[in-house]
C-alpha atoms as a PDB file:
ATOM      1  CA  MET A   1     120.626-118.537 263.230  1.00  0.00           C
ATOM      2  CA  ASN A   2     118.708-119.728 260.170  1.00  0.00           C
ATOM      3  CA  ASP A   3     120.672-118.700 257.036  1.00  0.00           C
ATOM      4  CA  GLN A   4     117.571-118.472 254.839  1.00  0.00           C
ATOM      5  CA  GLN A   5     115.814-116.255 257.370  1.00  0.00           C
ATOM      6  CA  LEU A   6     118.917-114.061 257.638  1.00  0.00           C
ATOM      7  CA  HIS A   7     119.016-113.691 253.863  1.00  0.00           C
ATOM      8  CA  ASP A   8     115.306-112.831 253.735  1.00  0.00           C
ATOM      9  CA  MET A   9     115.594-110.216 256.459  1.00  0.00           C
ATOM     10  CA  ALA A  10     118.629-108.630 254.838  1.00  0.00           C
ATOM     11  CA  SER A  11     117.466-108.371 251.273  1.00  0.00           C
ATOM     12  CA  ARG A  12     113.880-109.333 250.533  1.00  0.00           C
ATOM     13  CA  SER A  13     111.198-106.695 249.955  1.00  0.00           C
ATOM     14  CA  GLY A  14     108.287-106.519 252.355  1.00  0.00           C
ATOM     15  CA  PHE A  15     107.594-105.395 255.908  1.00  0.00           C
ATOM     16  CA  ILE A  16     107.240-106.690 259.465  1.00  0.00           C
ATOM     17  CA  ALA A  17     103.807-107.234 261.010  1.00  0.00           C
ATOM     18  CA  ALA A  18     103.937-106.333 264.717  1.00  0.00           C
ATOM     19  CA  LEU A  19     101.519-108.602 266.612  1.00  0.00           C
ATOM     20  CA  ASP A  20     103.151-108.211 270.009  1.00  0.00           C
ATOM     21  CA  GLN A  21     100.688-106.249 272.147  1.00  0.00           C
ATOM     22  CA  SER A  22     101.364-107.180 275.781  1.00  0.00           C
ATOM     23  CA  GLY A  23      99.221-107.033 278.907  1.00  0.00           C
ATOM     24  CA  GLY A  24      99.227-103.251 279.029  1.00  0.00           C
ATOM     25  CA  SER A  25      98.306-102.650 275.379  1.00  0.00           C
ATOM     26  CA  THR A  26      96.015-105.644 274.779  1.00  0.00           C
ATOM     27  CA  PRO A  27      92.794-103.996 276.086  1.00  0.00           C
ATOM     28  CA  LYS A  28      93.260-101.127 273.623  1.00  0.00           C
ATOM     29  CA  ALA A  29      93.954-103.545 270.762  1.00  0.00           C
ATOM     30  CA  LEU A  30      90.829-105.552 271.587  1.00  0.00           C
ATOM     31  CA  LYS A  31      88.731-102.397 271.867  1.00  0.00           C
ATOM     32  CA  LEU A  32      89.824-101.313 268.393  1.00  0.00           C
ATOM     33  CA  TYR A  33      88.919-104.821 267.222  1.00  0.00           C
ATOM     34  CA  GLY A  34      85.403-104.314 268.595  1.00  0.00           C
ATOM     35  CA  ILE A  35      85.723-106.159 271.919  1.00  0.00           C
ATOM     36  CA  PRO A  36      85.232-103.789 274.904  1.00  0.00           C
ATOM     37  CA  GLU A  37      86.781-104.359 278.327  1.00  0.00           C
ATOM     38  CA  ASP A  38      83.485-105.694 279.672  1.00  0.00           C
ATOM     39  CA  GLY A  39      83.656-108.391 276.972  1.00  0.00           C
ATOM     40  CA  TYR A  40      85.989-110.487 279.133  1.00  0.00           C
ATOM     41  CA  GLY A  41      86.204-111.158 282.845  1.00  0.00           C
ATOM     42  CA  ASN A  42      89.901-111.730 283.547  1.00  0.00           C
ATOM     43  CA  ASP A  43      93.383-111.747 282.017  1.00  0.00           C
ATOM     44  CA  LYS A  44      93.105-115.336 280.811  1.00  0.00           C
ATOM     45  CA  GLN A  45      89.963-114.530 278.812  1.00  0.00           C
ATOM     46  CA  MET A  46      91.619-111.345 277.513  1.00  0.00           C
ATOM     47  CA  PHE A  47      94.705-113.199 276.283  1.00  0.00           C
ATOM     48  CA  ASP A  48      92.538-115.948 274.771  1.00  0.00           C
ATOM     49  CA  LEU A  49      90.653-113.311 272.785  1.00  0.00           C
ATOM     50  CA  ILE A  50      93.788-111.550 271.533  1.00  0.00           C
ATOM     51  CA  HIS A  51      95.233-114.916 270.473  1.00  0.00           C
ATOM     52  CA  GLN A  52      92.041-115.597 268.517  1.00  0.00           C
ATOM     53  CA  MET A  53      92.500-112.232 266.799  1.00  0.00           C
ATOM     54  CA  ARG A  54      96.158-112.937 266.010  1.00  0.00           C
ATOM     55  CA  THR A  55      95.314-116.424 264.753  1.00  0.00           C
ATOM     56  CA  ARG A  56      92.678-114.954 262.460  1.00  0.00           C
ATOM     57  CA  LEU A  57      95.288-112.564 261.054  1.00  0.00           C
ATOM     58  CA  ILE A  58      97.938-115.253 260.578  1.00  0.00           C
ATOM     59  CA  LEU A  59      95.525-117.713 258.946  1.00  0.00           C
ATOM     60  CA  SER A  60      94.109-115.112 256.572  1.00  0.00           C
ATOM     61  CA  PRO A  61      94.900-115.786 252.895  1.00  0.00           C
ATOM     62  CA  SER A  62      95.978-112.128 252.756  1.00  0.00           C
ATOM     63  CA  PHE A  63      98.724-112.733 255.337  1.00  0.00           C
ATOM     64  CA  THR A  64     101.514-114.149 253.152  1.00  0.00           C
ATOM     65  CA  SER A  65     105.258-113.880 252.611  1.00  0.00           C
ATOM     66  CA  ASP A  66     104.637-112.150 249.284  1.00  0.00           C
ATOM     67  CA  LYS A  67     104.491-108.883 251.219  1.00  0.00           C
ATOM     68  CA  ILE A  68     105.167-109.761 254.870  1.00  0.00           C
ATOM     69  CA  LEU A  69     108.783-110.544 255.741  1.00  0.00           C
ATOM     70  CA  ALA A  70     108.384-111.231 259.423  1.00  0.00           C
ATOM     71  CA  THR A  71     106.068-111.080 262.410  1.00  0.00           C
ATOM     72  CA  ILE A  72     106.832-109.961 265.968  1.00  0.00           C
ATOM     73  CA  LEU A  73     105.028-112.129 268.498  1.00  0.00           C
ATOM     74  CA  PHE A  74     104.064-111.608 272.134  1.00  0.00           C
ATOM     75  CA  GLU A  75     105.668-114.193 274.450  1.00  0.00           C
ATOM     76  CA  GLN A  76     102.329-115.920 275.080  1.00  0.00           C
ATOM     77  CA  THR A  77     101.705-116.098 271.333  1.00  0.00           C
ATOM     78  CA  MET A  78     105.059-117.819 270.874  1.00  0.00           C
ATOM     79  CA  ASP A  79     104.053-120.340 273.536  1.00  0.00           C
ATOM     80  CA  ARG A  80     100.671-121.049 271.911  1.00  0.00           C
ATOM     81  CA  THR A  81      99.735-122.828 268.704  1.00  0.00           C
ATOM     82  CA  VAL A  82      98.151-122.004 265.352  1.00  0.00           C
ATOM     83  CA  SER A  83      96.335-124.885 263.655  1.00  0.00           C
ATOM     84  CA  GLY A  84      97.878-127.294 266.155  1.00  0.00           C
ATOM     85  CA  GLU A  85     101.468-126.215 265.455  1.00  0.00           C
ATOM     86  CA  ASP A  86     103.761-123.953 267.501  1.00  0.00           C
ATOM     87  CA  THR A  87     103.132-120.396 266.278  1.00  0.00           C
ATOM     88  CA  ALA A  88     106.726-119.732 265.201  1.00  0.00           C
ATOM     89  CA  ALA A  89     106.980-123.075 263.398  1.00  0.00           C
ATOM     90  CA  PHE A  90     103.669-122.462 261.629  1.00  0.00           C
ATOM     91  CA  LEU A  91     104.750-119.007 260.473  1.00  0.00           C
ATOM     92  CA  TRP A  92     107.999-120.249 258.974  1.00  0.00           C
ATOM     93  CA  LYS A  93     106.997-123.693 257.654  1.00  0.00           C
ATOM     94  CA  GLN A  94     103.525-122.844 256.371  1.00  0.00           C
ATOM     95  CA  LYS A  95     103.910-119.167 255.492  1.00  0.00           C
ATOM     96  CA  GLN A  96     107.692-118.579 255.112  1.00  0.00           C
ATOM     97  CA  ILE A  97     107.341-115.592 257.465  1.00  0.00           C
ATOM     98  CA  VAL A  98     110.258-115.013 259.865  1.00  0.00           C
ATOM     99  CA  PRO A  99     109.275-115.107 263.574  1.00  0.00           C
ATOM    100  CA  PHE A 100     110.490-112.612 266.203  1.00  0.00           C
ATOM    101  CA  VAL A 101     109.413-112.324 269.860  1.00  0.00           C
ATOM    102  CA  LYS A 102     109.029-109.330 272.179  1.00  0.00           C
ATOM    103  CA  VAL A 103     111.298-109.802 275.225  1.00  0.00           C
ATOM    104  CA  ASP A 104     111.036-106.637 277.330  1.00  0.00           C
ATOM    105  CA  GLN A 105     108.889-106.557 280.462  1.00  0.00           C
ATOM    106  CA  GLY A 106     107.486-103.079 280.004  1.00  0.00           C
ATOM    107  CA  LEU A 107     108.606 -99.540 280.746  1.00  0.00           C
ATOM    108  CA  ALA A 108     109.980 -97.989 283.911  1.00  0.00           C
ATOM    109  CA  ASP A 109     108.685 -94.651 285.223  1.00  0.00           C
ATOM    110  CA  VAL A 110     109.650 -91.455 283.408  1.00  0.00           C
ATOM    111  CA  GLN A 111     113.065 -90.078 284.309  1.00  0.00           C
ATOM    112  CA  TYR A 112     115.020 -87.409 282.409  1.00  0.00           C
ATOM    113  CA  GLY A 113     112.297 -87.317 279.790  1.00  0.00           C
ATOM    114  CA  VAL A 114     112.541 -91.025 278.900  1.00  0.00           C
ATOM    115  CA  GLN A 115     111.319 -94.426 280.012  1.00  0.00           C
ATOM    116  CA  LEU A 116     113.957 -97.127 280.235  1.00  0.00           C
ATOM    117  CA  MET A 117     112.972-100.783 280.104  1.00  0.00           C
ATOM    118  CA  LYS A 118     112.128-102.442 283.408  1.00  0.00           C
ATOM    119  CA  PRO A 119     114.703-105.009 284.570  1.00  0.00           C
ATOM    120  CA  MET A 120     114.418-108.162 282.470  1.00  0.00           C
ATOM    121  CA  THR A 121     114.104-110.701 285.280  1.00  0.00           C
ATOM    122  CA  LYS A 122     113.240-113.641 283.022  1.00  0.00           C
ATOM    123  CA  ILE A 123     115.344-112.878 279.964  1.00  0.00           C
ATOM    124  CA  ASP A 124     117.604-115.966 279.979  1.00  0.00           C
ATOM    125  CA  PRO A 125     114.863-118.624 280.142  1.00  0.00           C
ATOM    126  CA  LEU A 126     112.827-116.647 277.602  1.00  0.00           C
ATOM    127  CA  LEU A 127     115.747-116.486 275.159  1.00  0.00           C
ATOM    128  CA  ALA A 128     116.479-120.184 275.627  1.00  0.00           C
ATOM    129  CA  ARG A 129     112.826-120.999 274.904  1.00  0.00           C
ATOM    130  CA  ALA A 130     112.855-118.727 271.858  1.00  0.00           C
ATOM    131  CA  VAL A 131     115.843-120.591 270.422  1.00  0.00           C
ATOM    132  CA  GLU A 132     114.148-123.923 271.089  1.00  0.00           C
ATOM    133  CA  LYS A 133     111.000-122.787 269.282  1.00  0.00           C
ATOM    134  CA  GLY A 134     112.842-121.568 266.182  1.00  0.00           C
ATOM    135  CA  ILE A 135     112.554-117.829 266.768  1.00  0.00           C
ATOM    136  CA  PHE A 136     114.917-115.750 264.595  1.00  0.00           C
ATOM    137  CA  GLY A 137     115.147-112.597 266.676  1.00  0.00           C
ATOM    138  CA  THR A 138     113.770-110.411 269.440  1.00  0.00           C
ATOM    139  CA  LYS A 139     112.308-106.960 269.993  1.00  0.00           C
ATOM    140  CA  MET A 140     112.528-104.676 273.018  1.00  0.00           C
ATOM    141  CA  ARG A 141     111.023-101.208 273.424  1.00  0.00           C
ATOM    142  CA  SER A 142     112.015 -98.060 275.289  1.00  0.00           C
ATOM    143  CA  PHE A 143     110.208 -94.717 275.092  1.00  0.00           C
ATOM    144  CA  ILE A 144     111.531 -91.189 274.579  1.00  0.00           C
ATOM    145  CA  GLN A 145     109.205 -88.331 275.506  1.00  0.00           C
ATOM    146  CA  GLU A 146     111.599 -85.364 275.452  1.00  0.00           C
ATOM    147  CA  PRO A 147     114.861 -84.483 273.655  1.00  0.00           C
ATOM    148  CA  ASN A 148     117.020 -85.023 276.752  1.00  0.00           C
ATOM    149  CA  LYS A 149     120.516 -86.109 275.669  1.00  0.00           C
ATOM    150  CA  GLY A 150     121.354 -87.829 278.958  1.00  0.00           C
ATOM    151  CA  GLY A 151     118.092 -89.756 278.946  1.00  0.00           C
ATOM    152  CA  ILE A 152     118.446 -90.769 275.302  1.00  0.00           C
ATOM    153  CA  ASP A 153     122.052 -91.899 275.827  1.00  0.00           C
ATOM    154  CA  ALA A 154     120.890 -94.029 278.785  1.00  0.00           C
ATOM    155  CA  ILE A 155     118.160 -95.651 276.713  1.00  0.00           C
ATOM    156  CA  VAL A 156     120.533 -96.501 273.867  1.00  0.00           C
ATOM    157  CA  SER A 157     123.152 -97.903 276.256  1.00  0.00           C
ATOM    158  CA  GLN A 158     120.568-100.138 277.929  1.00  0.00           C
ATOM    159  CA  GLN A 159     119.278-101.350 274.573  1.00  0.00           C
ATOM    160  CA  PHE A 160     122.739-102.246 273.267  1.00  0.00           C
ATOM    161  CA  ASP A 161     123.706-103.978 276.531  1.00  0.00           C
ATOM    162  CA  CYS A 162     120.599-106.165 276.260  1.00  0.00           C
ATOM    163  CA  ALA A 163     121.280-106.727 272.548  1.00  0.00           C
ATOM    164  CA  ALA A 164     124.688-108.193 273.400  1.00  0.00           C
ATOM    165  CA  LYS A 165     123.064-110.802 275.674  1.00  0.00           C
ATOM    166  CA  ILE A 166     120.481-111.621 272.984  1.00  0.00           C
ATOM    167  CA  ALA A 167     123.181-112.020 270.330  1.00  0.00           C
ATOM    168  CA  GLY A 168     124.909-114.470 272.684  1.00  0.00           C
ATOM    169  CA  TYR A 169     121.949-116.805 272.155  1.00  0.00           C
ATOM    170  CA  GLY A 170     122.333-116.569 268.384  1.00  0.00           C
ATOM    171  CA  LEU A 171     119.258-114.357 268.011  1.00  0.00           C
ATOM    172  CA  MET A 172     118.915-111.107 266.045  1.00  0.00           C
ATOM    173  CA  PRO A 173     117.993-108.178 268.348  1.00  0.00           C
ATOM    174  CA  ILE A 174     115.615-105.470 267.191  1.00  0.00           C
ATOM    175  CA  ILE A 175     116.427-102.319 269.156  1.00  0.00           C
ATOM    176  CA  GLU A 176     113.354-100.100 269.533  1.00  0.00           C
ATOM    177  CA  PRO A 177     113.904 -96.728 271.237  1.00  0.00           C
ATOM    178  CA  GLU A 178     110.576 -95.161 270.264  1.00  0.00           C
ATOM    179  CA  VAL A 179     110.321 -91.365 270.110  1.00  0.00           C
ATOM    180  CA  SER A 180     106.859 -90.104 271.013  1.00  0.00           C
ATOM    181  CA  ILE A 181     105.101 -88.405 268.109  1.00  0.00           C
ATOM    182  CA  LYS A 182     103.812 -85.987 270.803  1.00  0.00           C
ATOM    183  CA  SER A 183     107.308 -84.976 271.915  1.00  0.00           C
ATOM    184  CA  PRO A 184     107.584 -81.181 272.355  1.00  0.00           C
ATOM    185  CA  ASP A 185     110.590 -81.179 270.006  1.00  0.00           C
ATOM    186  CA  LYS A 186     110.531 -84.440 268.091  1.00  0.00           C
ATOM    187  CA  PRO A 187     113.065 -83.439 265.380  1.00  0.00           C
ATOM    188  CA  THR A 188     115.706 -82.746 268.038  1.00  0.00           C
ATOM    189  CA  ALA A 189     114.910 -86.025 269.824  1.00  0.00           C
ATOM    190  CA  ASP A 190     115.180 -87.899 266.508  1.00  0.00           C
ATOM    191  CA  ASN A 191     118.608 -86.407 265.792  1.00  0.00           C
ATOM    192  CA  LEU A 192     119.945 -87.024 269.305  1.00  0.00           C
ATOM    193  CA  LEU A 193     118.831 -90.634 269.001  1.00  0.00           C
ATOM    194  CA  VAL A 194     120.571 -91.141 265.657  1.00  0.00           C
ATOM    195  CA  GLU A 195     123.812 -89.742 267.095  1.00  0.00           C
ATOM    196  CA  ALA A 196     123.629 -91.997 270.157  1.00  0.00           C
ATOM    197  CA  ILE A 197     122.902 -95.091 268.055  1.00  0.00           C
ATOM    198  CA  HIS A 198     125.841 -94.365 265.724  1.00  0.00           C
ATOM    199  CA  GLU A 199     128.231 -94.256 268.686  1.00  0.00           C
ATOM    200  CA  LYS A 200     127.098 -97.676 269.882  1.00  0.00           C
ATOM    201  CA  LEU A 201     127.057 -99.212 266.399  1.00  0.00           C
ATOM    202  CA  ASP A 202     130.671 -98.170 265.872  1.00  0.00           C
ATOM    203  CA  GLU A 203     131.624-100.092 269.030  1.00  0.00           C
ATOM    204  CA  LEU A 204     130.089-103.392 267.886  1.00  0.00           C
ATOM    205  CA  PRO A 205     132.406-106.213 266.773  1.00  0.00           C
ATOM    206  CA  GLU A 206     132.618-106.731 263.023  1.00  0.00           C
ATOM    207  CA  ASP A 207     130.795-110.062 263.143  1.00  0.00           C
ATOM    208  CA  ARG A 208     127.667-108.690 264.835  1.00  0.00           C
ATOM    209  CA  GLN A 209     124.601-106.904 263.505  1.00  0.00           C
ATOM    210  CA  VAL A 210     121.419-105.504 265.011  1.00  0.00           C
ATOM    211  CA  MET A 211     118.127-104.294 263.594  1.00  0.00           C
ATOM    212  CA  LEU A 212     116.622-100.929 264.484  1.00  0.00           C
ATOM    213  CA  LYS A 213     112.941-100.099 264.914  1.00  0.00           C
ATOM    214  CA  LEU A 214     112.469 -96.331 264.993  1.00  0.00           C
ATOM    215  CA  THR A 215     109.610 -93.832 264.960  1.00  0.00           C
ATOM    216  CA  LEU A 216     108.834 -92.380 261.535  1.00  0.00           C
ATOM    217  CA  PRO A 217     111.112 -89.305 261.363  1.00  0.00           C
ATOM    218  CA  ASP A 218     110.040 -85.703 260.851  1.00  0.00           C
ATOM    219  CA  GLU A 219     113.080 -85.175 258.614  1.00  0.00           C
ATOM    220  CA  ASP A 220     112.886 -87.314 255.489  1.00  0.00           C
ATOM    221  CA  ASN A 221     115.658 -89.906 255.123  1.00  0.00           C
ATOM    222  CA  LEU A 222     117.129 -89.055 258.532  1.00  0.00           C
ATOM    223  CA  TYR A 223     117.928 -92.746 259.006  1.00  0.00           C
ATOM    224  CA  ALA A 224     119.847 -93.186 255.740  1.00  0.00           C
ATOM    225  CA  SER A 225     123.224 -93.316 257.521  1.00  0.00           C
ATOM    226  CA  LEU A 226     121.896 -95.990 259.903  1.00  0.00           C
ATOM    227  CA  ILE A 227     120.510 -98.039 257.011  1.00  0.00           C
ATOM    228  CA  ASP A 228     123.971 -97.898 255.387  1.00  0.00           C
ATOM    229  CA  HIS A 229     125.870 -98.871 258.539  1.00  0.00           C
ATOM    230  CA  PRO A 230     127.570-102.288 258.185  1.00  0.00           C
ATOM    231  CA  ARG A 231     126.466-103.303 261.714  1.00  0.00           C
ATOM    232  CA  VAL A 232     122.783-102.819 260.820  1.00  0.00           C
ATOM    233  CA  LEU A 233     120.844-105.631 259.148  1.00  0.00           C
ATOM    234  CA  ARG A 234     117.675-103.592 258.553  1.00  0.00           C
ATOM    235  CA  VAL A 235     115.961-100.432 259.777  1.00  0.00           C
ATOM    236  CA  VAL A 236     112.194-100.606 260.219  1.00  0.00           C
ATOM    237  CA  ALA A 237     109.665 -97.978 261.256  1.00  0.00           C
ATOM    238  CA  LEU A 238     106.865 -98.027 263.799  1.00  0.00           C
ATOM    239  CA  SER A 239     103.618 -96.135 263.239  1.00  0.00           C
ATOM    240  CA  GLY A 240     103.598 -94.646 266.730  1.00  0.00           C
ATOM    241  CA  GLY A 241      99.973 -93.566 266.773  1.00  0.00           C
ATOM    242  CA  TYR A 242      99.776 -92.169 263.245  1.00  0.00           C
ATOM    243  CA  THR A 243      96.879 -93.459 261.144  1.00  0.00           C
ATOM    244  CA  LEU A 244      97.539 -95.958 258.380  1.00  0.00           C
ATOM    245  CA  GLU A 245      97.238 -93.218 255.760  1.00  0.00           C
ATOM    246  CA  GLN A 246      99.608 -90.878 257.617  1.00  0.00           C
ATOM    247  CA  SER A 247     102.097 -93.677 258.317  1.00  0.00           C
ATOM    248  CA  ALA A 248     102.166 -94.820 254.702  1.00  0.00           C
ATOM    249  CA  GLN A 249     102.658 -91.286 253.409  1.00  0.00           C
ATOM    250  CA  ILE A 250     105.604 -90.590 255.718  1.00  0.00           C
ATOM    251  CA  LEU A 251     107.150 -94.007 255.136  1.00  0.00           C
ATOM    252  CA  ALA A 252     106.996 -93.624 251.362  1.00  0.00           C
ATOM    253  CA  ARG A 253     109.138 -90.480 251.617  1.00  0.00           C
ATOM    254  CA  ASN A 254     111.871 -92.371 253.497  1.00  0.00           C
ATOM    255  CA  HIS A 255     113.807 -94.479 251.025  1.00  0.00           C
ATOM    256  CA  ARG A 256     114.851 -98.036 252.027  1.00  0.00           C
ATOM    257  CA  LEU A 257     112.988 -97.752 255.338  1.00  0.00           C
ATOM    258  CA  ILE A 258     110.377-100.496 255.747  1.00  0.00           C
ATOM    259  CA  ALA A 259     107.370-100.754 258.039  1.00  0.00           C
ATOM    260  CA  SER A 260     106.897-102.629 261.287  1.00  0.00           C
ATOM    261  CA  PHE A 261     103.365-101.476 262.029  1.00  0.00           C
ATOM    262  CA  SER A 262     100.931-102.722 264.646  1.00  0.00           C
ATOM    263  CA  ARG A 263      97.871-100.525 265.124  1.00  0.00           C
ATOM    264  CA  ALA A 264      98.119 -99.014 261.625  1.00  0.00           C
ATOM    265  CA  LEU A 265      98.291-102.490 260.052  1.00  0.00           C
ATOM    266  CA  THR A 266      95.116-103.706 261.785  1.00  0.00           C
ATOM    267  CA  GLU A 267      93.195-100.450 261.364  1.00  0.00           C
ATOM    268  CA  GLY A 268      89.551-101.094 260.485  1.00  0.00           C
ATOM    269  CA  LEU A 269      89.590-104.817 261.330  1.00  0.00           C
ATOM    270  CA  THR A 270      86.820-105.944 263.686  1.00  0.00           C
ATOM    271  CA  ALA A 271      85.569-109.141 265.273  1.00  0.00           C
ATOM    272  CA  GLU A 272      82.125-108.608 263.720  1.00  0.00           C
ATOM    273  CA  GLN A 273      83.365-108.694 260.132  1.00  0.00           C
ATOM    274  CA  THR A 274      82.728-111.780 258.044  1.00  0.00           C
ATOM    275  CA  ASP A 275      85.865-113.624 256.974  1.00  0.00           C
ATOM    276  CA  ASP A 276      85.504-112.174 253.475  1.00  0.00           C
ATOM    277  CA  GLU A 277      85.187-108.631 254.837  1.00  0.00           C
ATOM    278  CA  PHE A 278      88.079-109.156 257.241  1.00  0.00           C
ATOM    279  CA  ASN A 279      90.367-110.610 254.581  1.00  0.00           C
ATOM    280  CA  GLU A 280      89.506-107.896 252.071  1.00  0.00           C
ATOM    281  CA  LYS A 281      90.255-105.103 254.550  1.00  0.00           C
ATOM    282  CA  LEU A 282      93.451-106.801 255.736  1.00  0.00           C
ATOM    283  CA  LYS A 283      94.599-107.197 252.127  1.00  0.00           C
ATOM    284  CA  ALA A 284      94.003-103.495 251.468  1.00  0.00           C
ATOM    285  CA  ASN A 285      96.004-102.552 254.576  1.00  0.00           C
ATOM    286  CA  ILE A 286      98.843-104.924 253.702  1.00  0.00           C
ATOM    287  CA  ASP A 287      98.984-103.611 250.133  1.00  0.00           C
ATOM    288  CA  GLU A 288      99.190-100.012 251.369  1.00  0.00           C
ATOM    289  CA  VAL A 289     101.962-100.762 253.883  1.00  0.00           C
ATOM    290  CA  TYR A 290     103.864-102.863 251.352  1.00  0.00           C
ATOM    291  CA  GLN A 291     103.790-100.187 248.660  1.00  0.00           C
ATOM    292  CA  ALA A 292     105.047 -97.577 251.114  1.00  0.00           C
ATOM    293  CA  SER A 293     107.890 -99.952 252.117  1.00  0.00           C
ATOM    294  CA  LEU A 294     109.103-100.379 248.528  1.00  0.00           C
ATOM    295  CA  THR A 295     110.568 -96.916 247.962  1.00  0.00           C
END
């Protein structure tokens, strides 16, 4: 693990840009960017277009380490290049932005009010490739729809089991058990999740840490005890379908919690914009997310 990257992730101000839309979420991301589904004919064209969008973001003069700590990449993005250089290498060498990669293979069907991760059939070769390419850490997502204690406990157990394998490769795992903002009782789900995470954190060996990526809580500063836990490097928040304005307002009320936004970060960016228009809008979004992450 890169010591400078570890130091940056532990202590530097800023936020994480989530650029890890996968096959299931890419059409929606492209549509928001102004490219409808009839704008491409197959998956290859779709992934080429989303890489062009991500490259435009990364190359923007607004996309700098002054306010962005790290970026979460989709596996294909990690395997592609930016300006002729491996994406992860470009991010760190040219921008001093720490690279992560999404490693889950999507969500299983709903059971007990939650969606576990599908079996990770290619995790070992993916982790080995991530190490080779200079990736610092990983991200994996589960989804909680209802405040079902058994379901939430199962999600957290699966996440921590996978995190142990990831740590074995010398990578920093981001554990992301997302709670739906449409949950019928989100505050209860949030609290059950915090309890389940604490139990697993207390079982970790003293020389290991994880990061947590959690839905913006309904109860302000609910995650303070997780942020303070010695086994936690950093706690970051996902926007979860809230608008940029809503996300920033909630985040600003939660002290020491920083953003890891995807859709909210790229809100209002379109393929039709000139580079000046694109960069200006991206700068405004980055400034808003950064300010909310400073409290």
